Amino acid sequence: MKIHDPASQAMQKDYDVTDIERLMGKRDWKNYDDVIKWLKKEGDEDRRFTPGEVQHMIDDFSRARDKGMDFPQEPEQLYKKLKSSR
């Protein structure tokens, strides 16, 4: 029998387009590095993001940056770009 572990679930939870919308609404991001720095410094303190969502976003934003992908300002386009970079 599995025991329900909310902490484990929070670490595994992936982000969705609404999380990207919320993130993009926080400030006028210029590039992937701006977002990555904020997520690493303050992402876990934002109660609306789970630790898993923050880590998945850091990973995907880093991957997109490393691939030299453009940085769309529109949340839905950005979400699709981040997910396609996996």
N, C-alpha and C. Protein backbone atom coordinates (compact mmCIF):
# COMPACT_ATOMS: atom_id res chain seq x y z
N MET A 1 0.83 -1.17 0.00
CA MET A 1 0.00 0.00 0.00
C MET A 1 0.89 1.25 0.00
N LYS A 2 0.58 2.16 -0.91
CA LYS A 2 1.36 3.39 -0.99
C LYS A 2 0.84 4.42 0.00
N ILE A 3 1.76 5.11 0.60
CA ILE A 3 1.41 6.20 1.51
C ILE A 3 1.41 7.49 0.71
N HIS A 4 0.38 8.29 0.89
CA HIS A 4 0.29 9.58 0.21
C HIS A 4 1.37 10.51 0.74
N ASP A 5 2.22 11.00 -0.15
CA ASP A 5 3.32 11.86 0.25
C ASP A 5 3.22 13.19 -0.51
N PRO A 6 2.58 14.20 0.09
CA PRO A 6 2.42 15.49 -0.60
C PRO A 6 3.75 16.15 -0.96
N ALA A 7 4.75 16.00 -0.12
CA ALA A 7 6.05 16.62 -0.41
C ALA A 7 6.67 16.02 -1.66
N SER A 8 6.56 14.71 -1.80
CA SER A 8 7.09 14.05 -2.99
C SER A 8 6.32 14.48 -4.23
N GLN A 9 5.02 14.58 -4.12
CA GLN A 9 4.20 15.02 -5.25
C GLN A 9 4.56 16.45 -5.65
N ALA A 10 4.81 17.32 -4.68
CA ALA A 10 5.15 18.71 -4.96
C ALA A 10 6.47 18.81 -5.72
N MET A 11 7.39 17.88 -5.45
CA MET A 11 8.68 17.89 -6.14
C MET A 11 8.55 17.37 -7.56
N GLN A 12 7.55 16.54 -7.82
CA GLN A 12 7.40 15.95 -9.14
C GLN A 12 6.49 16.76 -10.05
N LYS A 13 5.67 17.63 -9.49
CA LYS A 13 4.67 18.35 -10.28
C LYS A 13 5.34 19.23 -11.33
N ASP A 14 4.87 19.10 -12.55
CA ASP A 14 5.38 19.91 -13.65
C ASP A 14 4.52 21.16 -13.79
N TYR A 15 5.08 22.19 -14.37
CA TYR A 15 4.35 23.43 -14.57
C TYR A 15 3.44 23.34 -15.80
N ASP A 16 2.48 24.26 -15.88
CA ASP A 16 1.62 24.33 -17.06
C ASP A 16 1.59 25.77 -17.56
N VAL A 17 0.78 26.02 -18.57
CA VAL A 17 0.77 27.33 -19.21
C VAL A 17 0.34 28.43 -18.23
N THR A 18 -0.51 28.12 -17.28
CA THR A 18 -0.94 29.15 -16.31
C THR A 18 0.23 29.57 -15.42
N ASP A 19 1.15 28.65 -15.14
CA ASP A 19 2.34 29.00 -14.35
C ASP A 19 3.25 29.95 -15.14
N ILE A 20 3.38 29.71 -16.43
CA ILE A 20 4.19 30.59 -17.27
C ILE A 20 3.52 31.97 -17.37
N GLU A 21 2.19 31.99 -17.48
CA GLU A 21 1.47 33.26 -17.51
C GLU A 21 1.73 34.05 -16.22
N ARG A 22 1.65 33.37 -15.10
CA ARG A 22 1.89 34.01 -13.79
C ARG A 22 3.33 34.53 -13.71
N LEU A 23 4.28 33.70 -14.15
CA LEU A 23 5.68 34.08 -14.12
C LEU A 23 5.95 35.29 -15.02
N MET A 24 5.42 35.28 -16.22
CA MET A 24 5.66 36.38 -17.17
C MET A 24 5.01 37.67 -16.70
N GLY A 25 3.97 37.57 -15.89
CA GLY A 25 3.30 38.76 -15.38
C GLY A 25 4.02 39.41 -14.21
N LYS A 26 5.02 38.75 -13.68
CA LYS A 26 5.73 39.27 -12.51
C LYS A 26 6.60 40.48 -12.83
N ARG A 27 7.24 40.48 -13.99
CA ARG A 27 8.08 41.61 -14.39
C ARG A 27 8.35 41.55 -15.88
N ASP A 28 9.05 42.53 -16.37
CA ASP A 28 9.37 42.61 -17.80
C ASP A 28 10.70 41.89 -18.04
N TRP A 29 10.62 40.59 -18.26
CA TRP A 29 11.82 39.77 -18.44
C TRP A 29 12.47 40.11 -19.78
N LYS A 30 13.78 40.17 -19.79
CA LYS A 30 14.53 40.49 -21.02
C LYS A 30 15.05 39.24 -21.72
N ASN A 31 15.36 38.20 -20.93
CA ASN A 31 15.96 37.00 -21.52
C ASN A 31 15.84 35.82 -20.54
N TYR A 32 16.29 34.68 -21.00
CA TYR A 32 16.21 33.47 -20.18
C TYR A 32 16.99 33.61 -18.88
N ASP A 33 18.16 34.26 -18.92
CA ASP A 33 18.98 34.39 -17.72
C ASP A 33 18.26 35.16 -16.62
N ASP A 34 17.53 36.22 -16.99
CA ASP A 34 16.76 36.97 -16.00
C ASP A 34 15.79 36.07 -15.25
N VAL A 35 15.07 35.25 -16.00
CA VAL A 35 14.07 34.37 -15.41
C VAL A 35 14.74 33.30 -14.55
N ILE A 36 15.81 32.70 -15.06
CA ILE A 36 16.51 31.64 -14.33
C ILE A 36 17.04 32.16 -12.99
N LYS A 37 17.65 33.35 -13.02
CA LYS A 37 18.17 33.94 -11.77
C LYS A 37 17.06 34.15 -10.75
N TRP A 38 15.91 34.68 -11.23
CA TRP A 38 14.79 34.92 -10.31
C TRP A 38 14.27 33.59 -9.76
N LEU A 39 14.09 32.60 -10.62
CA LEU A 39 13.58 31.31 -10.17
C LEU A 39 14.49 30.68 -9.12
N LYS A 40 15.80 30.77 -9.33
CA LYS A 40 16.75 30.18 -8.38
C LYS A 40 16.74 30.92 -7.06
N LYS A 41 16.58 32.24 -7.11
CA LYS A 41 16.65 33.05 -5.90
C LYS A 41 15.31 33.12 -5.18
N GLU A 42 14.20 33.30 -5.92
CA GLU A 42 12.92 33.57 -5.29
C GLU A 42 11.80 32.60 -5.65
N GLY A 43 12.05 31.72 -6.59
CA GLY A 43 11.00 30.82 -7.06
C GLY A 43 10.36 29.97 -5.98
N ASP A 44 11.19 29.41 -5.10
CA ASP A 44 10.66 28.56 -4.03
C ASP A 44 9.89 29.35 -2.98
N GLU A 45 10.15 30.65 -2.91
CA GLU A 45 9.44 31.48 -1.93
C GLU A 45 8.06 31.92 -2.42
N ASP A 46 7.81 31.77 -3.72
CA ASP A 46 6.51 32.12 -4.27
C ASP A 46 5.57 30.96 -4.00
N ARG A 47 4.60 31.18 -3.15
CA ARG A 47 3.71 30.09 -2.72
C ARG A 47 2.85 29.52 -3.84
N ARG A 48 2.77 30.22 -4.95
CA ARG A 48 1.94 29.73 -6.05
C ARG A 48 2.66 28.69 -6.90
N PHE A 49 3.97 28.54 -6.71
CA PHE A 49 4.73 27.53 -7.45
C PHE A 49 5.18 26.43 -6.49
N THR A 50 5.02 25.18 -6.91
CA THR A 50 5.56 24.07 -6.12
C THR A 50 7.06 23.96 -6.39
N PRO A 51 7.80 23.29 -5.50
CA PRO A 51 9.24 23.10 -5.77
C PRO A 51 9.49 22.38 -7.10
N GLY A 52 8.64 21.43 -7.43
CA GLY A 52 8.80 20.72 -8.70
C GLY A 52 8.60 21.63 -9.90
N GLU A 53 7.60 22.49 -9.83
CA GLU A 53 7.36 23.43 -10.93
C GLU A 53 8.56 24.35 -11.11
N VAL A 54 9.09 24.84 -10.00
CA VAL A 54 10.25 25.74 -10.07
C VAL A 54 11.42 25.00 -10.71
N GLN A 55 11.69 23.79 -10.28
CA GLN A 55 12.83 23.05 -10.82
C GLN A 55 12.64 22.72 -12.30
N HIS A 56 11.43 22.32 -12.70
CA HIS A 56 11.16 22.04 -14.11
C HIS A 56 11.33 23.30 -14.95
N MET A 57 10.88 24.45 -14.43
CA MET A 57 11.04 25.70 -15.17
C MET A 57 12.51 26.07 -15.29
N ILE A 58 13.27 25.93 -14.21
CA ILE A 58 14.71 26.22 -14.28
C ILE A 58 15.37 25.34 -15.34
N ASP A 59 15.06 24.06 -15.31
CA ASP A 59 15.65 23.12 -16.27
C ASP A 59 15.29 23.50 -17.71
N ASP A 60 14.00 23.80 -17.94
CA ASP A 60 13.56 24.09 -19.31
C ASP A 60 14.06 25.45 -19.80
N PHE A 61 14.04 26.47 -18.93
CA PHE A 61 14.57 27.78 -19.33
C PHE A 61 16.06 27.67 -19.61
N SER A 62 16.79 26.90 -18.81
CA SER A 62 18.23 26.72 -19.03
C SER A 62 18.49 26.00 -20.34
N ARG A 63 17.72 24.97 -20.63
CA ARG A 63 17.87 24.21 -21.86
C ARG A 63 17.61 25.10 -23.08
N ALA A 64 16.54 25.90 -23.02
CA ALA A 64 16.21 26.79 -24.14
C ALA A 64 17.31 27.84 -24.34
N ARG A 65 17.84 28.37 -23.24
CA ARG A 65 18.94 29.33 -23.32
C ARG A 65 20.17 28.69 -23.97
N ASP A 66 20.51 27.49 -23.50
CA ASP A 66 21.69 26.80 -24.01
C ASP A 66 21.56 26.45 -25.49
N LYS A 67 20.33 26.24 -25.95
CA LYS A 67 20.10 25.94 -27.37
C LYS A 67 20.02 27.21 -28.22
N GLY A 68 20.08 28.38 -27.57
CA GLY A 68 20.03 29.63 -28.31
C GLY A 68 18.66 29.96 -28.88
N MET A 69 17.61 29.44 -28.25
CA MET A 69 16.26 29.69 -28.73
C MET A 69 15.85 31.14 -28.44
N ASP A 70 15.00 31.69 -29.32
CA ASP A 70 14.53 33.05 -29.07
C ASP A 70 13.63 33.05 -27.83
N PHE A 71 13.42 34.24 -27.27
CA PHE A 71 12.70 34.40 -26.01
C PHE A 71 11.38 35.14 -26.27
N PRO A 72 10.32 34.38 -26.57
CA PRO A 72 9.03 35.04 -26.83
C PRO A 72 8.45 35.63 -25.54
N GLN A 73 7.80 36.77 -25.66
CA GLN A 73 7.19 37.43 -24.50
C GLN A 73 5.77 36.92 -24.25
N GLU A 74 5.19 36.27 -25.24
CA GLU A 74 3.81 35.77 -25.12
C GLU A 74 3.86 34.44 -24.36
N PRO A 75 3.18 34.34 -23.21
CA PRO A 75 3.28 33.14 -22.37
C PRO A 75 2.97 31.82 -23.07
N GLU A 76 1.95 31.79 -23.91
CA GLU A 76 1.60 30.53 -24.56
C GLU A 76 2.68 30.09 -25.54
N GLN A 77 3.23 31.03 -26.29
CA GLN A 77 4.33 30.69 -27.21
C GLN A 77 5.56 30.23 -26.43
N LEU A 78 5.85 30.93 -25.35
CA LEU A 78 7.00 30.57 -24.52
C LEU A 78 6.81 29.17 -23.93
N TYR A 79 5.62 28.88 -23.44
CA TYR A 79 5.33 27.57 -22.87
C TYR A 79 5.58 26.47 -23.91
N LYS A 80 5.06 26.66 -25.11
CA LYS A 80 5.25 25.65 -26.16
C LYS A 80 6.73 25.49 -26.51
N LYS A 81 7.45 26.58 -26.57
CA LYS A 81 8.87 26.53 -26.88
C LYS A 81 9.64 25.78 -25.79
N LEU A 82 9.32 26.07 -24.52
CA LEU A 82 10.00 25.40 -23.41
C LEU A 82 9.73 23.91 -23.42
N LYS A 83 8.48 23.53 -23.63
CA LYS A 83 8.13 22.10 -23.63
C LYS A 83 8.74 21.36 -24.82
N SER A 84 8.86 22.06 -25.95
CA SER A 84 9.43 21.41 -27.14
C SER A 84 10.94 21.24 -27.03
N SER A 85 11.56 21.97 -26.09
CA SER A 85 13.02 21.87 -25.97
C SER A 85 13.47 20.65 -25.18
N ARG A 86 12.51 19.94 -24.59
CA ARG A 86 12.86 18.76 -23.77
C ARG A 86 13.35 17.61 -24.62
